[in-house]
Protein backbone atom coordinates (compact mmCIF):
# COMPACT_ATOMS: atom_id res chain seq x y z
CA MET A 1 0.00 0.00 0.00
CA GLY A 2 1.26 3.47 -0.81
CA ARG A 3 2.58 5.92 1.69
CA VAL A 4 -0.11 7.97 3.37
CA PHE A 5 0.59 11.29 5.03
CA LEU A 6 -1.83 12.38 7.73
CA PHE A 7 -2.31 16.00 8.67
CA LEU A 8 -4.23 16.61 11.88
CA LEU A 9 -5.64 20.10 12.14
CA LEU A 10 -5.53 21.08 15.76
CA ALA A 11 -8.59 23.23 16.42
CA ALA A 12 -8.39 25.80 19.22
CA ASP A 13 -10.73 28.19 20.97
CA ALA A 14 -10.78 31.32 18.79
CA SER A 15 -10.63 33.95 21.48
CA ALA A 16 -8.39 36.85 22.47
CA SER A 17 -6.72 34.74 25.12
CA GLY A 18 -3.59 33.94 23.19
CA VAL A 19 -4.50 30.55 21.77
CA VAL A 20 -1.77 29.08 19.60
CA ASN A 21 -3.06 27.01 16.70
CA GLN A 22 -0.80 24.25 15.45
CA ILE A 23 -0.77 21.82 12.55
CA SER A 24 1.11 18.66 13.36
CA PRO A 25 2.07 16.42 10.40
CA LEU A 26 2.07 12.73 11.16
CA GLY A 27 3.48 10.62 8.37
CA GLY A 28 4.76 7.16 7.64
CA ASN A 29 3.61 3.77 6.45
CA VAL A 30 0.12 3.21 7.79
CA ARG A 31 -2.50 0.64 7.02
CA ALA A 32 -5.47 2.70 8.15
CA SER A 33 -6.32 6.38 8.15
CA ILE A 34 -6.87 8.22 11.43
CA PRO A 35 -10.05 10.31 11.60
CA VAL A 36 -9.65 13.86 12.80
CA LEU A 37 -10.88 14.49 16.34
CA GLU A 38 -11.92 18.08 16.97
CA HIS A 39 -10.50 19.52 20.17
CA LYS A 40 -9.85 22.83 21.92
CA ILE A 41 -8.93 24.25 25.31
CA ARG A 42 -10.31 27.25 27.17
CA LEU A 43 -9.61 28.99 30.47
CA LEU A 44 -12.34 29.58 33.07
CA ASP A 45 -13.02 32.54 35.36
CA SER A 46 -10.01 34.69 34.54
CA TRP A 47 -9.72 38.00 36.40
CA GLY A 48 -9.00 40.26 33.47
CA ARG A 49 -6.81 41.01 30.46
CA GLY A 50 -3.07 41.32 30.34
CA VAL A 51 -1.95 43.47 27.40
CA ILE A 52 1.64 43.12 26.19
CA ASP A 53 3.21 45.62 23.79
CA GLY A 54 6.25 47.86 23.50
CA GLY A 55 5.33 49.59 26.76
CA GLY A 56 5.55 46.45 28.88
CA LEU A 57 2.70 44.55 30.52
CA ARG A 58 -0.58 46.13 31.61
CA TYR A 59 -3.11 44.37 33.82
CA HIS A 60 -6.73 45.37 33.22
CA HIS A 61 -8.62 44.14 36.30
CA ASP A 62 -11.98 43.81 34.51
CA ARG A 63 -13.60 41.43 36.97
CA LEU A 64 -12.22 42.64 40.31
CA MET A 65 -12.22 46.39 39.63
CA PRO A 66 -13.57 47.36 36.19
CA GLY A 67 -11.67 50.22 34.60
CA TYR A 68 -8.65 49.84 36.89
CA MET A 69 -5.22 49.12 35.41
CA THR A 70 -1.77 48.41 36.84
CA GLN A 71 1.44 48.26 34.83
CA ASP A 72 4.66 46.26 35.03
CA LEU A 73 7.33 48.17 33.11
CA SER A 74 9.99 45.59 33.91
CA GLN A 75 8.40 43.01 31.63
CA VAL A 76 9.78 43.27 28.11
CA PHE A 77 8.64 40.81 25.46
CA PRO A 78 9.60 40.27 21.81
CA ARG A 79 7.02 41.51 19.32
CA LEU A 80 6.15 37.88 18.62
CA HIS A 81 4.37 37.73 21.98
CA TRP A 82 2.61 41.07 21.90
CA GLY A 83 -1.12 40.69 22.36
CA GLU A 84 -3.90 40.26 24.88
CA TYR A 85 -4.11 37.36 27.31
CA GLU A 86 -6.33 36.27 30.18
CA PHE A 87 -4.67 36.46 33.60
CA PHE A 88 -4.99 34.92 37.06
CA TYR A 89 -3.80 36.25 40.42
CA ALA A 90 -1.09 34.69 42.57
CA GLY A 91 -2.74 32.44 45.14
CA ASP A 92 -5.70 31.78 42.84
CA VAL A 93 -6.69 28.51 41.19
CA MET A 94 -6.58 28.57 37.41
CA ARG A 95 -9.20 26.25 35.95
CA TYR A 96 -9.43 25.08 32.36
CA GLN A 97 -11.43 22.71 30.17
CA ILE A 98 -10.36 20.56 27.25
CA PHE A 99 -13.13 19.74 24.78
CA PHE A 100 -13.32 16.83 22.35
CA HIS A 101 -15.95 16.16 19.72
CA ASN A 102 -15.77 13.12 17.47
CA LYS A 103 -17.66 14.21 14.37
CA THR A 104 -16.45 11.27 12.31
CA SER A 105 -18.18 7.95 11.77
CA ARG A 106 -15.38 6.09 13.52
CA SER A 107 -14.42 5.56 17.13
CA TYR A 108 -11.30 6.42 19.09
CA ARG A 109 -10.10 4.16 21.87
CA ASN A 110 -7.25 3.89 24.34
CA LEU A 111 -6.38 7.58 24.54
CA LYS A 112 -4.21 9.26 27.14
CA ILE A 113 -4.49 13.04 27.56
CA SER A 114 -1.73 14.82 29.47
CA ALA A 115 -1.67 18.51 30.45
CA TRP A 116 1.00 20.63 32.15
CA GLN A 117 2.24 24.20 32.60
CA GLU A 118 5.21 25.94 30.99
CA HIS A 119 6.57 29.47 31.32
CA LEU A 120 8.39 31.67 28.82
CA ARG A 121 12.08 32.13 29.59
CA PRO A 122 13.99 35.34 28.82
CA ASP A 123 15.74 33.57 25.93
CA GLY A 124 12.38 32.90 24.27
CA SER A 125 12.15 29.19 25.05
CA TRP A 126 9.38 27.51 27.02
CA GLN A 127 10.29 25.64 30.19
CA PRO A 128 8.13 23.29 32.28
CA MET A 129 6.93 24.90 35.48
CA GLU A 130 8.83 23.97 38.63
CA GLY A 131 7.48 23.94 42.17
CA THR A 132 3.83 23.47 41.19
CA ASP A 133 1.60 20.42 41.19
CA ASP A 134 0.37 21.19 37.71
CA ALA A 135 0.53 17.92 35.77
CA ARG A 136 -2.82 16.36 34.91
CA GLU A 137 -3.55 13.08 33.14
CA TRP A 138 -6.71 11.35 31.91
CA THR A 139 -7.29 7.98 30.26
CA VAL A 140 -10.18 7.59 27.82
CA SER A 141 -11.13 4.01 26.98
CA GLY A 142 -13.32 5.02 24.06
CA LEU A 143 -14.86 7.94 22.21
CA THR A 144 -17.56 6.80 19.81
CA ALA A 145 -18.82 8.53 16.68
CA GLY A 146 -20.65 11.74 17.54
CA GLU A 147 -19.61 11.62 21.19
CA MET A 148 -18.43 14.71 23.09
CA LEU A 149 -16.07 14.79 26.06
CA VAL A 150 -15.08 17.58 28.47
CA LEU A 151 -12.07 17.25 30.75
CA ASN A 152 -11.65 19.62 33.71
CA GLY A 153 -8.22 20.61 34.98
CA ASP A 154 -6.84 23.10 37.46
CA VAL A 155 -3.56 24.38 38.84
CA ALA A 156 -2.86 26.47 41.94
CA VAL A 157 -1.01 29.68 41.07
CA PRO A 158 1.84 30.05 43.60
CA VAL A 159 1.65 32.96 46.03
CA ALA A 160 5.42 33.42 46.25
CA GLN A 161 6.56 33.57 42.66
CA MET A 162 8.86 35.40 40.34
CA ARG A 163 7.40 37.52 37.59
CA LEU A 164 6.85 34.66 35.21
CA GLY A 165 5.16 36.76 32.57
CA LEU A 166 3.64 34.42 30.01
CA THR A 167 2.64 30.90 30.96
CA ARG A 168 0.89 28.31 28.87
CA THR A 169 -1.21 25.25 29.50
CA ARG A 170 -0.19 22.57 27.05
CA TYR A 171 -1.80 19.23 26.37
CA GLN A 172 -1.10 16.16 24.26
CA VAL A 173 -3.30 13.31 23.11
CA GLU A 174 -1.57 9.96 22.77
CA TYR A 175 -2.67 6.54 21.59
CA ILE A 176 -2.08 3.73 24.08
CA ASP A 177 -1.13 0.55 22.22
CA ASP A 178 -2.77 -2.39 23.95
CA GLY A 179 -1.26 -4.89 21.51
CA ARG A 180 -4.61 -5.94 20.07
CA SER A 181 -4.50 -3.85 16.90
CA ASP A 182 -2.45 -4.45 13.75
CA GLN A 183 -2.73 -0.79 12.74
CA LEU A 184 0.46 1.25 12.68
CA VAL A 185 -0.73 4.36 14.48
CA PRO A 186 1.57 7.16 15.67
CA ARG A 187 1.71 7.38 19.46
CA LEU A 188 1.35 11.18 19.54
CA LEU A 189 -1.91 12.05 17.81
CA MET A 190 -2.31 15.77 18.50
CA GLU A 191 -1.27 18.60 20.80
CA ASN A 192 -2.27 22.17 21.54
CA GLU A 193 -1.89 24.93 24.12
CA ILE A 194 -3.37 28.15 25.44
CA THR A 195 -1.32 31.04 26.81
CA SER A 196 -2.15 33.11 29.88
CA ILE A 197 -0.50 35.35 32.48
CA TRP A 198 -0.01 34.83 36.21
CA CYS A 199 -0.29 38.21 37.92
CA PRO A 200 1.94 38.78 41.00
CA SER A 201 0.25 40.02 44.17
CA GLU A 202 1.94 43.43 43.99
CA PHE A 203 -0.08 44.32 40.88
CA LYS A 204 -3.43 43.25 42.34
CA PRO A 205 -5.71 46.12 43.45
CA ARG A 206 -5.85 46.52 47.23
């Protein structure tokens, strides 16, 4: 059978919260095509908007104190990361949901979904968060045609923290090979992330 290249379009929540859309090519010799599973991630109950531009980082405290803004001039970001992001206060719990919708006529089975936090380093690279119990993992035995699934995750934002600036919640969907299938399926099926800001206590309105 000829070589088949699979392109999984990773759908994301189209909001102003800094969602990064990705297209992950999965190629190789396969004996069956993999249906595309729609998925996205969103943040819940953020406190406001963090705006990043050439002037630094501005916190608009829309939920706690509408119209009030504080500014962190020490935060300088490359133009690549300029934009508007949802933010959460230090000491708060950041909650998120990952949505799946199988609109195909086929079923998925034996899926493992992993989620974790990363922060943007000064050199522009992303590094896994240290000192937080942020890793989450779910196992899905099956997702039938037309079925929808919502996974709920959360992470406690540390009270004592450095000015981390941008953080992101990243997740991956993997296939767990139980040895019963003769299909050559890539282990990593899809991945995506959403970017947010963790606001230090000193910039929270008193």
